[in-house]
Amino acid sequence: MAVTFTALQLQPILTHATCLYEPSVYNGAGQELRKNLMLSVDGIIRAQFAAIGTQLDLGPTLCSIIKPDCIRVKIDMERVNLFDVDHHQINPPERFANKEVEVRLELRGTWKTATSCGLSICCTDLRFCSDGRTSPCK
């Protein structure tokens, strides 16, 4: 299947989010380096991505990254910059799910195949703001 990629240069988006699941690939073997990352973000960020998609007029075959209360972006596990709560660079943690994070998202461009199209958005930097545990005192 041929894929056409059109590069774009837009300002990166910095936002606070929660990782919903572990980075993964649908039907993947588990060794993939480029994975999907599901992030719970506020409605303003989802609306911003929707407006970009509308401006680019991607048409009826759009495969949206926007889900009802989250977004799906790509993360390259070899290239992503990971930081702890104190802004020190770290190795990938064992768990991403339920972690509060600050992310830097880059809109790299658009992709198109014979049957679908979409935005190519990559998470390039991720700072873990908490360990995801809930205090028993809450």
C-alpha atoms as a PDB file:
ATOM      1  CA  MET A   1       0.000   0.000   0.000  1.00  0.00           C
ATOM      2  CA  ALA A   2       1.516   3.325  -1.072  1.00  0.00           C
ATOM      3  CA  VAL A   3       1.576   6.164   1.427  1.00  0.00           C
ATOM      4  CA  THR A   4       1.997   9.808   0.481  1.00  0.00           C
ATOM      5  CA  PHE A   5       3.412  12.073   3.186  1.00  0.00           C
ATOM      6  CA  THR A   6       3.202  15.873   3.101  1.00  0.00           C
ATOM      7  CA  ALA A   7       5.448  17.630   5.625  1.00  0.00           C
ATOM      8  CA  LEU A   8       4.129  20.578   7.641  1.00  0.00           C
ATOM      9  CA  GLN A   9       5.869  22.965   9.978  1.00  0.00           C
ATOM     10  CA  LEU A  10       3.604  24.179  12.759  1.00  0.00           C
ATOM     11  CA  GLN A  11       4.414  25.244  16.290  1.00  0.00           C
ATOM     12  CA  PRO A  12       4.724  22.323  18.734  1.00  0.00           C
ATOM     13  CA  ILE A  13       1.906  21.937  21.234  1.00  0.00           C
ATOM     14  CA  LEU A  14       2.828  21.703  24.909  1.00  0.00           C
ATOM     15  CA  THR A  15       0.151  20.364  27.214  1.00  0.00           C
ATOM     16  CA  HIS A  16      -0.637  18.451  30.370  1.00  0.00           C
ATOM     17  CA  ALA A  17      -2.128  14.978  29.895  1.00  0.00           C
ATOM     18  CA  THR A  18      -2.641  11.559  31.412  1.00  0.00           C
ATOM     19  CA  CYS A  19      -1.323   8.433  29.700  1.00  0.00           C
ATOM     20  CA  LEU A  20      -4.328   6.132  29.441  1.00  0.00           C
ATOM     21  CA  TYR A  21      -2.554   2.924  28.417  1.00  0.00           C
ATOM     22  CA  GLU A  22       0.901   1.571  27.796  1.00  0.00           C
ATOM     23  CA  PRO A  23       2.390   2.614  24.415  1.00  0.00           C
ATOM     24  CA  SER A  24       1.453  -0.131  21.966  1.00  0.00           C
ATOM     25  CA  VAL A  25       0.913  -1.223  18.374  1.00  0.00           C
ATOM     26  CA  TYR A  26      -2.315  -2.905  17.263  1.00  0.00           C
ATOM     27  CA  ASN A  27      -1.489  -6.540  16.462  1.00  0.00           C
ATOM     28  CA  GLY A  28       2.164  -5.785  17.203  1.00  0.00           C
ATOM     29  CA  ALA A  29       4.766  -8.237  18.408  1.00  0.00           C
ATOM     30  CA  GLY A  30       5.832  -5.974  21.284  1.00  0.00           C
ATOM     31  CA  GLN A  31       9.254  -5.095  19.884  1.00  0.00           C
ATOM     32  CA  GLU A  32       8.131  -2.134  17.739  1.00  0.00           C
ATOM     33  CA  LEU A  33       9.923   1.170  18.371  1.00  0.00           C
ATOM     34  CA  ARG A  34       7.209   3.456  16.951  1.00  0.00           C
ATOM     35  CA  LYS A  35       4.047   3.011  18.986  1.00  0.00           C
ATOM     36  CA  ASN A  36       0.682   4.612  19.648  1.00  0.00           C
ATOM     37  CA  LEU A  37       0.270   6.653  22.823  1.00  0.00           C
ATOM     38  CA  MET A  38      -3.239   7.425  24.071  1.00  0.00           C
ATOM     39  CA  LEU A  39      -3.367  10.694  26.003  1.00  0.00           C
ATOM     40  CA  SER A  40      -6.274  12.107  27.934  1.00  0.00           C
ATOM     41  CA  VAL A  41      -6.205  15.847  27.195  1.00  0.00           C
ATOM     42  CA  ASP A  42      -8.628  18.689  27.735  1.00  0.00           C
ATOM     43  CA  GLY A  43     -11.193  19.712  25.143  1.00  0.00           C
ATOM     44  CA  ILE A  44      -9.185  22.755  24.055  1.00  0.00           C
ATOM     45  CA  ILE A  45      -6.353  20.574  22.744  1.00  0.00           C
ATOM     46  CA  ARG A  46      -8.783  18.210  20.983  1.00  0.00           C
ATOM     47  CA  ALA A  47     -10.522  21.224  19.421  1.00  0.00           C
ATOM     48  CA  GLN A  48      -7.163  22.628  18.303  1.00  0.00           C
ATOM     49  CA  PHE A  49      -6.328  19.388  16.450  1.00  0.00           C
ATOM     50  CA  ALA A  50      -9.840  19.270  14.978  1.00  0.00           C
ATOM     51  CA  ALA A  51      -9.412  22.829  13.668  1.00  0.00           C
ATOM     52  CA  ILE A  52      -6.077  21.900  12.058  1.00  0.00           C
ATOM     53  CA  GLY A  53      -7.733  18.920  10.365  1.00  0.00           C
ATOM     54  CA  THR A  54     -10.562  21.130   9.114  1.00  0.00           C
ATOM     55  CA  GLN A  55      -8.144  23.776   7.787  1.00  0.00           C
ATOM     56  CA  LEU A  56      -6.207  21.104   5.888  1.00  0.00           C
ATOM     57  CA  ASP A  57      -9.475  19.781   4.396  1.00  0.00           C
ATOM     58  CA  LEU A  58      -8.454  16.117   4.579  1.00  0.00           C
ATOM     59  CA  GLY A  59     -11.858  14.956   3.407  1.00  0.00           C
ATOM     60  CA  PRO A  60     -14.214  12.075   4.229  1.00  0.00           C
ATOM     61  CA  THR A  61     -11.453   9.434   4.501  1.00  0.00           C
ATOM     62  CA  LEU A  62      -9.930  11.125   7.576  1.00  0.00           C
ATOM     63  CA  CYS A  63      -8.651   8.678  10.184  1.00  0.00           C
ATOM     64  CA  SER A  64      -8.870  11.013  13.161  1.00  0.00           C
ATOM     65  CA  ILE A  65      -6.423  11.046  16.051  1.00  0.00           C
ATOM     66  CA  ILE A  66      -9.205  12.585  18.158  1.00  0.00           C
ATOM     67  CA  LYS A  67     -11.232  10.193  20.268  1.00  0.00           C
ATOM     68  CA  PRO A  68     -14.177  11.114  22.568  1.00  0.00           C
ATOM     69  CA  ASP A  69     -11.966  12.157  25.511  1.00  0.00           C
ATOM     70  CA  CYS A  70      -8.406  11.561  24.347  1.00  0.00           C
ATOM     71  CA  ILE A  71      -6.008  11.709  21.411  1.00  0.00           C
ATOM     72  CA  ARG A  72      -3.820   9.065  19.787  1.00  0.00           C
ATOM     73  CA  VAL A  73      -0.299  10.175  18.886  1.00  0.00           C
ATOM     74  CA  LYS A  74       2.893   8.375  17.883  1.00  0.00           C
ATOM     75  CA  ILE A  75       5.892   7.908  20.145  1.00  0.00           C
ATOM     76  CA  ASP A  76       9.288   6.665  18.975  1.00  0.00           C
ATOM     77  CA  MET A  77      10.693   4.789  21.959  1.00  0.00           C
ATOM     78  CA  GLU A  78      14.308   5.297  20.798  1.00  0.00           C
ATOM     79  CA  ARG A  79      14.014   9.022  20.137  1.00  0.00           C
ATOM     80  CA  VAL A  80      11.583  10.375  22.726  1.00  0.00           C
ATOM     81  CA  ASN A  81      13.111  12.523  25.468  1.00  0.00           C
ATOM     82  CA  LEU A  82      11.860  11.344  28.871  1.00  0.00           C
ATOM     83  CA  PHE A  83      12.145  13.342  32.087  1.00  0.00           C
ATOM     84  CA  ASP A  84      11.198  12.824  35.723  1.00  0.00           C
ATOM     85  CA  VAL A  85       9.255  15.245  37.886  1.00  0.00           C
ATOM     86  CA  ASP A  86      12.488  17.167  38.628  1.00  0.00           C
ATOM     87  CA  HIS A  87      13.312  17.603  34.909  1.00  0.00           C
ATOM     88  CA  HIS A  88      16.134  15.022  34.937  1.00  0.00           C
ATOM     89  CA  GLN A  89      16.422  12.817  31.858  1.00  0.00           C
ATOM     90  CA  ILE A  90      15.426   9.199  32.551  1.00  0.00           C
ATOM     91  CA  ASN A  91      15.149   5.832  30.828  1.00  0.00           C
ATOM     92  CA  PRO A  92      11.653   4.636  29.902  1.00  0.00           C
ATOM     93  CA  PRO A  93       9.728   3.654  33.020  1.00  0.00           C
ATOM     94  CA  GLU A  94       8.157   0.220  33.377  1.00  0.00           C
ATOM     95  CA  ARG A  95       4.643   1.699  33.286  1.00  0.00           C
ATOM     96  CA  PHE A  96       3.128   4.647  31.413  1.00  0.00           C
ATOM     97  CA  ALA A  97      -0.550   3.946  32.172  1.00  0.00           C
ATOM     98  CA  ASN A  98      -2.281   6.381  34.538  1.00  0.00           C
ATOM     99  CA  LYS A  99       0.758   8.653  34.756  1.00  0.00           C
ATOM    100  CA  GLU A 100       0.285  12.402  34.677  1.00  0.00           C
ATOM    101  CA  VAL A 101       2.628  13.916  32.115  1.00  0.00           C
ATOM    102  CA  GLU A 102       3.579  17.080  30.309  1.00  0.00           C
ATOM    103  CA  VAL A 103       4.057  16.423  26.601  1.00  0.00           C
ATOM    104  CA  ARG A 104       5.488  18.165  23.571  1.00  0.00           C
ATOM    105  CA  LEU A 105       3.560  17.214  20.453  1.00  0.00           C
ATOM    106  CA  GLU A 106       4.808  17.959  16.957  1.00  0.00           C
ATOM    107  CA  LEU A 107       2.535  17.978  13.938  1.00  0.00           C
ATOM    108  CA  ARG A 108       4.907  16.475  11.388  1.00  0.00           C
ATOM    109  CA  GLY A 109       2.507  16.472   8.447  1.00  0.00           C
ATOM    110  CA  THR A 110      -0.307  14.575   6.790  1.00  0.00           C
ATOM    111  CA  TRP A 111      -0.373  11.065   5.349  1.00  0.00           C
ATOM    112  CA  LYS A 112      -2.646   9.653   2.675  1.00  0.00           C
ATOM    113  CA  THR A 113      -3.296   6.193   1.250  1.00  0.00           C
ATOM    114  CA  ALA A 114      -5.840   5.042  -1.321  1.00  0.00           C
ATOM    115  CA  THR A 115      -8.461   4.528   1.403  1.00  0.00           C
ATOM    116  CA  SER A 116      -7.643   6.907   4.279  1.00  0.00           C
ATOM    117  CA  CYS A 117      -5.668   9.910   5.463  1.00  0.00           C
ATOM    118  CA  GLY A 118      -4.744  11.702   8.674  1.00  0.00           C
ATOM    119  CA  LEU A 119      -2.447  13.892  10.706  1.00  0.00           C
ATOM    120  CA  SER A 120       0.999  12.659  11.722  1.00  0.00           C
ATOM    121  CA  ILE A 121       1.525  13.817  15.299  1.00  0.00           C
ATOM    122  CA  CYS A 122       4.535  12.691  17.309  1.00  0.00           C
ATOM    123  CA  CYS A 123       5.258  12.968  21.025  1.00  0.00           C
ATOM    124  CA  THR A 124       8.898  14.117  21.151  1.00  0.00           C
ATOM    125  CA  ASP A 125       9.253  14.976  24.844  1.00  0.00           C
ATOM    126  CA  LEU A 126       7.451  13.616  27.879  1.00  0.00           C
ATOM    127  CA  ARG A 127       7.883  14.646  31.526  1.00  0.00           C
ATOM    128  CA  PHE A 128       6.349  12.448  34.196  1.00  0.00           C
ATOM    129  CA  CYS A 129       4.642  14.692  36.752  1.00  0.00           C
ATOM    130  CA  SER A 130       3.522  11.929  39.109  1.00  0.00           C
ATOM    131  CA  ASP A 131       3.873   8.234  39.636  1.00  0.00           C
ATOM    132  CA  GLY A 132       0.171   7.634  38.915  1.00  0.00           C
ATOM    133  CA  ARG A 133      -0.606   6.324  42.371  1.00  0.00           C
ATOM    134  CA  THR A 134      -3.584   7.700  44.226  1.00  0.00           C
ATOM    135  CA  SER A 135      -3.090   8.723  47.822  1.00  0.00           C
ATOM    136  CA  PRO A 136      -5.119   6.649  50.289  1.00  0.00           C
ATOM    137  CA  CYS A 137      -5.947   9.929  52.058  1.00  0.00           C
ATOM    138  CA  LYS A 138      -8.028  11.259  49.147  1.00  0.00           C
END
